[in-house]
């Protein structure tokens, strides 16, 4: 009885690892666009947090401090989107189990 239970547990662990790897690949390939000032500043980043595009409307170019704040807001918005989506994907992949970062399954 224990043997069958252990085999089942190992199979589930392998499935979870496969799901986590798939989710990590999806996260790596996704993008998010953060916006500030109603879209006057837009910054696109990848799931690996690399910026790939920035758009700045001419209307916000005259005030340097405001532009700096808007860029920060847009970057933080994009990072938050990536983070939220990553959390959902990993939660789905692990069935809600909290797995410490860097932990490889099966044990």
Protein backbone atom coordinates (compact mmCIF):
# COMPACT_ATOMS: atom_id res chain seq x y z
CA UNK A 1 0.00 0.00 0.00
CA UNK A 2 2.79 2.44 0.85
CA UNK A 3 4.58 1.62 -2.40
CA UNK A 4 1.56 2.53 -4.50
CA UNK A 5 1.05 5.73 -2.54
CA UNK A 6 4.68 6.74 -2.99
CA UNK A 7 4.56 6.01 -6.73
CA UNK A 8 1.41 8.12 -7.05
CA UNK A 9 3.01 10.91 -5.10
CA UNK A 10 6.11 10.83 -7.32
CA UNK A 11 3.92 10.88 -10.43
CA UNK A 12 2.05 13.93 -9.13
CA UNK A 13 5.36 15.62 -8.28
CA UNK A 14 6.60 15.01 -11.83
CA UNK A 15 3.36 16.39 -13.28
CA UNK A 16 3.70 19.46 -11.07
CA UNK A 17 7.29 19.97 -12.21
CA UNK A 18 6.22 19.70 -15.85
CA UNK A 19 3.41 22.21 -15.25
CA UNK A 20 5.82 24.59 -13.51
CA UNK A 21 8.31 24.42 -16.38
CA UNK A 22 5.53 25.13 -18.88
CA UNK A 23 4.30 28.07 -16.78
CA UNK A 24 7.85 29.45 -16.49
CA UNK A 25 8.26 29.29 -20.28
CA UNK A 26 4.91 31.06 -20.77
CA UNK A 27 5.95 33.76 -18.29
CA UNK A 28 9.30 34.21 -20.04
CA UNK A 29 7.55 34.75 -23.38
CA UNK A 30 4.82 37.12 -22.23
CA UNK A 31 4.86 40.91 -22.39
CA UNK A 32 3.06 43.63 -20.48
CA UNK A 33 2.64 47.30 -21.25
CA UNK A 34 2.58 49.68 -18.33
CA UNK A 35 0.91 53.04 -18.79
CA UNK A 36 0.96 56.39 -17.07
CA UNK A 37 -0.98 59.63 -17.60
CA UNK A 38 -3.70 57.92 -19.55
CA UNK A 39 -1.23 56.33 -21.96
CA UNK A 40 0.95 59.40 -22.51
CA UNK A 41 3.84 57.16 -21.40
CA UNK A 42 3.84 53.44 -22.25
CA UNK A 43 6.59 50.95 -21.49
CA UNK A 44 6.53 47.33 -22.60
CA UNK A 45 8.52 44.67 -20.75
CA UNK A 46 8.94 40.92 -21.09
CA UNK A 47 8.28 38.28 -18.47
CA UNK A 48 12.00 38.45 -17.73
CA UNK A 49 11.60 42.17 -16.91
CA UNK A 50 13.49 43.44 -19.96
CA UNK A 51 12.14 46.64 -21.47
CA UNK A 52 11.40 46.24 -25.17
CA UNK A 53 9.53 49.40 -26.09
CA UNK A 54 8.82 52.88 -24.80
CA UNK A 55 6.42 55.48 -26.16
CA UNK A 56 6.26 59.04 -24.88
CA UNK A 57 3.66 61.51 -26.08
CA UNK A 58 4.99 64.95 -26.97
CA UNK A 59 2.56 66.54 -24.50
CA UNK A 60 4.63 65.34 -21.50
CA UNK A 61 8.08 66.19 -22.87
CA UNK A 62 8.24 69.75 -21.50
CA UNK A 63 8.43 68.85 -17.79
CA UNK A 64 11.47 66.69 -17.03
CA UNK A 65 10.54 65.82 -13.42
CA UNK A 66 7.00 64.89 -14.38
CA UNK A 67 8.28 62.77 -17.27
CA UNK A 68 10.65 60.93 -14.94
CA UNK A 69 7.75 60.21 -12.56
CA UNK A 70 5.56 59.04 -15.43
CA UNK A 71 8.28 56.67 -16.69
CA UNK A 72 8.66 55.19 -13.21
CA UNK A 73 4.89 54.79 -12.92
CA UNK A 74 4.67 53.05 -16.29
CA UNK A 75 7.57 50.71 -15.48
CA UNK A 76 6.06 49.81 -12.11
CA UNK A 77 2.68 49.21 -13.75
CA UNK A 78 4.22 46.80 -16.27
CA UNK A 79 6.22 44.98 -13.58
CA UNK A 80 3.08 44.62 -11.44
CA UNK A 81 1.19 43.13 -14.40
CA UNK A 82 3.97 40.59 -15.03
CA UNK A 83 4.16 39.75 -11.33
CA UNK A 84 0.41 39.26 -10.96
CA UNK A 85 0.16 37.09 -14.07
CA UNK A 86 3.22 35.08 -12.99
CA UNK A 87 1.69 34.42 -9.57
CA UNK A 88 -1.55 33.17 -11.11
CA UNK A 89 0.28 30.92 -13.61
CA UNK A 90 2.52 29.40 -10.93
CA UNK A 91 -0.40 28.93 -8.54
CA UNK A 92 -2.26 27.09 -11.29
CA UNK A 93 0.83 25.00 -12.12
CA UNK A 94 1.32 23.91 -8.52
CA UNK A 95 -2.33 23.40 -7.71
CA UNK A 96 -2.10 26.13 -5.09
CA UNK A 97 0.83 24.53 -3.24
CA UNK A 98 3.48 27.00 -2.15
CA UNK A 99 6.80 25.78 -3.52
CA UNK A 100 9.98 27.54 -2.38
CA UNK A 101 11.84 29.29 -5.19
CA UNK A 102 14.52 27.20 -6.87
CA UNK A 103 13.11 23.94 -5.56
CA UNK A 104 13.18 21.18 -8.15
CA UNK A 105 10.63 18.41 -8.23
CA UNK A 106 10.62 15.48 -7.80
CA UNK A 107 12.50 15.78 -4.56
